[in-house]
Amino acid sequence: MKNTLYFALIISTAIWGQSPDPASLIQVHTVNNAAELASITGANPGALIYNLEDNKLYSFNTVGWETAEIETPKFIDVFDSNSNYNLGSSYQIIQLNATRTSSGGIFNLANNAVTINEDGFYELHYGVAAKTNQWTYIDVALFMDGTMIPASETYSGSWYKKVTASKTMILQISSGTVISLRARKQTASTNDTVTVLDDGSYLVIKKIK
């Protein structure tokens, strides 16, 4: 078939707004209309054809052609833009109140927490930035529906310095789950302070399956 297009070019331009390296492009045949598509039989399962009439990509499924779904990336990146506030000795919610970017329509940021509205496996990156006074450090953890996620704790600390405690996890999450980021101070003296820095704490959630 003489008509061809480059699949990766269409997808990357539509989703990311830019063209990829030509060396990475995948060549895909095209047809002009549905009748031309239906006339092609006996293709290998998974073969791709692009229909110029309806501007859709089709995949062969052993008995015929069906629309090939292109899944939209699903992620959210939120952060704490509030003014400086101090941590206590018990876990408290980090005030995630701003969305840097989001895609896929399955996340909702409200009350300093993110609700995930689709079952699946997710990769979570999180961190809290703080300024220490005296010899102090911070504990940071993720909470799911108000309960700490096992092995999600991480910590950092120093003498009169700005520090960040961060971690990455992969979790299986059910629709409707609420994820919050929390932190506390650890210090030998109640007079020592640990201040959360504005724009320094974040939570990034990405669906991977």
Protein backbone atom coordinates (compact mmCIF):
# COMPACT_ATOMS: atom_id res chain seq x y z
CA MET A 1 0.00 0.00 0.00
CA LYS A 2 1.52 3.25 -1.11
CA ASN A 3 -0.02 5.59 1.46
CA THR A 4 1.82 5.63 4.77
CA LEU A 5 2.15 7.84 7.82
CA TYR A 6 4.29 7.86 10.92
CA PHE A 7 2.30 6.76 13.96
CA ALA A 8 4.68 8.12 16.61
CA LEU A 9 4.59 11.54 14.95
CA ILE A 10 0.79 11.74 15.20
CA ILE A 11 0.65 10.58 18.80
CA SER A 12 3.48 12.68 20.16
CA THR A 13 2.25 15.79 18.36
CA ALA A 14 -1.31 15.34 19.60
CA ILE A 15 -0.37 14.62 23.21
CA TRP A 16 2.86 16.48 23.83
CA GLY A 17 2.73 19.20 21.17
CA GLN A 18 6.10 18.31 19.69
CA SER A 19 7.59 15.93 17.14
CA PRO A 20 9.89 13.03 18.11
CA ASP A 21 13.23 12.01 16.73
CA PRO A 22 12.60 10.71 13.16
CA ALA A 23 14.68 7.62 13.93
CA SER A 24 12.03 6.52 16.47
CA LEU A 25 9.02 6.78 14.14
CA ILE A 26 6.78 3.78 13.40
CA GLN A 27 5.50 3.50 9.83
CA VAL A 28 1.75 2.86 9.55
CA HIS A 29 -0.30 2.30 6.38
CA THR A 30 -3.31 4.50 5.61
CA VAL A 31 -6.65 3.98 3.87
CA ASN A 32 -8.94 6.62 2.43
CA ASN A 33 -12.30 5.40 3.77
CA ALA A 34 -14.19 2.64 5.61
CA ALA A 35 -14.84 0.59 2.46
CA GLU A 36 -11.15 0.48 1.70
CA LEU A 37 -10.44 -0.58 5.28
CA ALA A 38 -13.05 -3.38 5.15
CA SER A 39 -11.53 -4.75 1.95
CA ILE A 40 -8.28 -5.58 3.75
CA THR A 41 -8.54 -9.04 5.31
CA GLY A 42 -6.11 -11.59 6.70
CA ALA A 43 -3.83 -9.06 8.37
CA ASN A 44 -1.62 -10.08 11.27
CA PRO A 45 -3.22 -9.53 14.71
CA GLY A 46 -2.15 -6.16 16.04
CA ALA A 47 -1.53 -4.66 12.60
CA LEU A 48 -2.30 -0.93 12.45
CA ILE A 49 -3.99 1.16 9.77
CA TYR A 50 -4.98 4.82 9.89
CA ASN A 51 -8.28 5.80 8.24
CA LEU A 52 -8.03 9.26 6.67
CA GLU A 53 -11.83 9.54 6.41
CA ASP A 54 -12.53 9.57 10.17
CA ASN A 55 -8.99 10.30 11.37
CA LYS A 56 -8.86 7.18 13.55
CA LEU A 57 -6.32 4.45 14.07
CA TYR A 58 -7.50 0.83 13.63
CA SER A 59 -6.02 -2.46 14.83
CA PHE A 60 -6.67 -5.95 13.37
CA ASN A 61 -8.07 -8.41 15.95
CA THR A 62 -8.00 -11.71 13.92
CA VAL A 63 -11.53 -11.27 12.53
CA GLY A 64 -11.61 -7.63 11.49
CA TRP A 65 -10.62 -4.05 12.25
CA GLU A 66 -11.46 -2.21 15.47
CA THR A 67 -10.62 1.24 16.78
CA ALA A 68 -7.25 1.29 18.51
CA GLU A 69 -7.60 3.24 21.73
CA ILE A 70 -4.76 5.63 22.61
CA GLU A 71 -4.75 5.97 26.38
CA THR A 72 -4.30 9.48 27.71
CA PRO A 73 -1.51 9.74 30.32
CA LYS A 74 -3.01 9.96 33.80
CA PHE A 75 -1.08 11.91 36.43
CA ILE A 76 -1.24 14.78 38.88
CA ASP A 77 1.48 16.98 40.39
CA VAL A 78 0.45 19.01 43.46
CA PHE A 79 2.45 21.15 45.89
CA ASP A 80 2.25 23.30 49.02
CA SER A 81 2.25 27.02 48.22
CA ASN A 82 1.24 28.20 51.68
CA SER A 83 3.31 30.50 53.87
CA ASN A 84 5.75 28.94 56.32
CA TYR A 85 4.20 26.93 59.18
CA ASN A 86 5.72 24.82 61.93
CA LEU A 87 5.48 21.07 62.47
CA GLY A 88 4.47 19.51 65.76
CA SER A 89 5.58 16.23 67.25
CA SER A 90 2.55 14.35 65.83
CA TYR A 91 1.89 13.73 62.17
CA GLN A 92 0.01 16.58 60.54
CA ILE A 93 -1.23 17.07 56.97
CA ILE A 94 1.05 18.97 54.63
CA GLN A 95 -1.04 21.71 53.05
CA LEU A 96 -1.05 20.61 49.42
CA ASN A 97 -3.20 23.34 47.92
CA ALA A 98 -1.99 23.90 44.35
CA THR A 99 -1.93 21.78 41.19
CA ARG A 100 1.09 22.19 38.97
CA THR A 101 -0.26 19.94 36.21
CA SER A 102 -2.81 17.17 35.77
CA SER A 103 -4.00 14.84 33.02
CA GLY A 104 -6.55 12.06 32.63
CA GLY A 105 -9.40 13.42 34.74
CA ILE A 106 -9.20 10.80 37.51
CA PHE A 107 -7.69 12.92 40.29
CA ASN A 108 -9.25 15.50 42.59
CA LEU A 109 -7.32 17.79 44.95
CA ALA A 110 -9.40 18.99 47.90
CA ASN A 111 -8.74 19.64 51.59
CA ASN A 112 -4.97 19.19 51.09
CA ALA A 113 -5.39 15.60 49.81
CA VAL A 114 -5.75 13.83 46.46
CA THR A 115 -8.66 11.50 45.70
CA ILE A 116 -7.95 8.83 43.05
CA ASN A 117 -11.06 7.87 41.09
CA GLU A 118 -9.90 4.80 39.18
CA ASP A 119 -8.62 1.36 40.20
CA GLY A 120 -5.06 0.55 39.19
CA PHE A 121 -1.37 0.55 39.97
CA TYR A 122 0.18 3.94 40.72
CA GLU A 123 3.65 5.38 41.15
CA LEU A 124 3.85 8.03 43.87
CA HIS A 125 6.70 10.50 44.41
CA TYR A 126 6.54 12.74 47.47
CA GLY A 127 8.67 15.03 49.56
CA VAL A 128 8.57 17.66 52.28
CA ALA A 129 11.02 20.57 52.54
CA ALA A 130 11.67 22.16 55.93
CA LYS A 131 14.05 24.41 57.81
CA THR A 132 15.50 23.05 61.04
CA ASN A 133 16.36 24.88 64.26
CA GLN A 134 18.96 23.25 66.50
CA TRP A 135 19.54 19.54 65.92
CA THR A 136 16.18 18.42 64.52
CA TYR A 137 14.85 16.24 61.77
CA ILE A 138 11.54 15.46 60.07
CA ASP A 139 9.58 12.29 59.50
CA VAL A 140 7.46 12.17 56.34
CA ALA A 141 4.86 9.56 55.36
CA LEU A 142 1.92 8.94 53.05
CA PHE A 143 -1.53 8.25 54.48
CA MET A 144 -4.30 6.36 52.69
CA ASP A 145 -7.83 7.19 53.90
CA GLY A 146 -6.32 8.50 57.15
CA THR A 147 -4.06 5.50 57.84
CA MET A 148 -0.30 5.50 57.36
CA ILE A 149 0.83 3.39 54.40
CA PRO A 150 3.30 0.74 55.60
CA ALA A 151 6.95 1.47 54.77
CA SER A 152 6.10 4.93 53.43
CA GLU A 153 8.05 6.77 56.13
CA THR A 154 11.23 8.61 55.32
CA TYR A 155 13.21 11.27 57.19
CA SER A 156 15.90 13.93 56.95
CA GLY A 157 17.54 16.42 59.31
CA SER A 158 20.50 18.64 60.07
CA TRP A 159 21.75 21.53 62.20
CA TYR A 160 20.18 24.85 61.20
CA LYS A 161 19.68 23.80 57.58
CA LYS A 162 17.02 23.37 54.92
CA VAL A 163 16.33 19.70 54.30
CA THR A 164 14.04 17.58 52.12
CA ALA A 165 12.76 14.11 52.97
CA SER A 166 11.44 12.28 49.91
CA LYS A 167 10.53 8.81 48.68
CA THR A 168 8.95 6.87 45.79
CA MET A 169 6.45 4.00 46.05
CA ILE A 170 4.33 1.84 43.73
CA LEU A 171 0.90 0.92 45.12
CA GLN A 172 -2.27 -0.81 44.02
CA ILE A 173 -5.05 1.68 44.72
CA SER A 174 -8.84 1.38 44.60
CA SER A 175 -11.14 4.05 43.20
CA GLY A 176 -12.20 6.60 45.82
CA THR A 177 -8.99 6.33 47.86
CA VAL A 178 -7.77 9.57 49.46
CA ILE A 179 -4.00 10.12 49.65
CA SER A 180 -2.49 12.71 52.00
CA LEU A 181 1.10 13.70 52.72
CA ARG A 182 1.99 14.19 56.37
CA ALA A 183 5.04 15.13 58.45
CA ARG A 184 6.20 15.65 62.02
CA LYS A 185 9.28 16.92 63.81
CA GLN A 186 11.66 14.86 65.91
CA THR A 187 13.72 16.81 68.43
CA ALA A 188 15.17 16.52 71.91
CA SER A 189 13.70 19.87 72.95
CA THR A 190 10.16 21.19 72.59
CA ASN A 191 11.66 24.64 71.98
CA ASP A 192 13.31 23.54 68.74
CA THR A 193 11.29 24.38 65.63
CA VAL A 194 10.90 22.78 62.22
CA THR A 195 9.31 25.04 59.63
CA VAL A 196 7.72 23.75 56.42
CA LEU A 197 8.93 25.82 53.48
CA ASP A 198 6.41 27.21 51.01
CA ASP A 199 6.61 25.72 47.48
CA GLY A 200 8.91 22.99 48.79
CA SER A 201 6.59 20.04 49.46
CA TYR A 202 5.01 17.97 46.70
CA LEU A 203 3.08 14.85 45.72
CA VAL A 204 3.19 13.38 42.22
CA ILE A 205 0.90 10.46 41.36
CA LYS A 206 1.03 8.63 38.02
CA LYS A 207 -1.07 5.67 36.89
CA ILE A 208 1.17 2.98 35.41
CA LYS A 209 -1.36 0.17 34.83
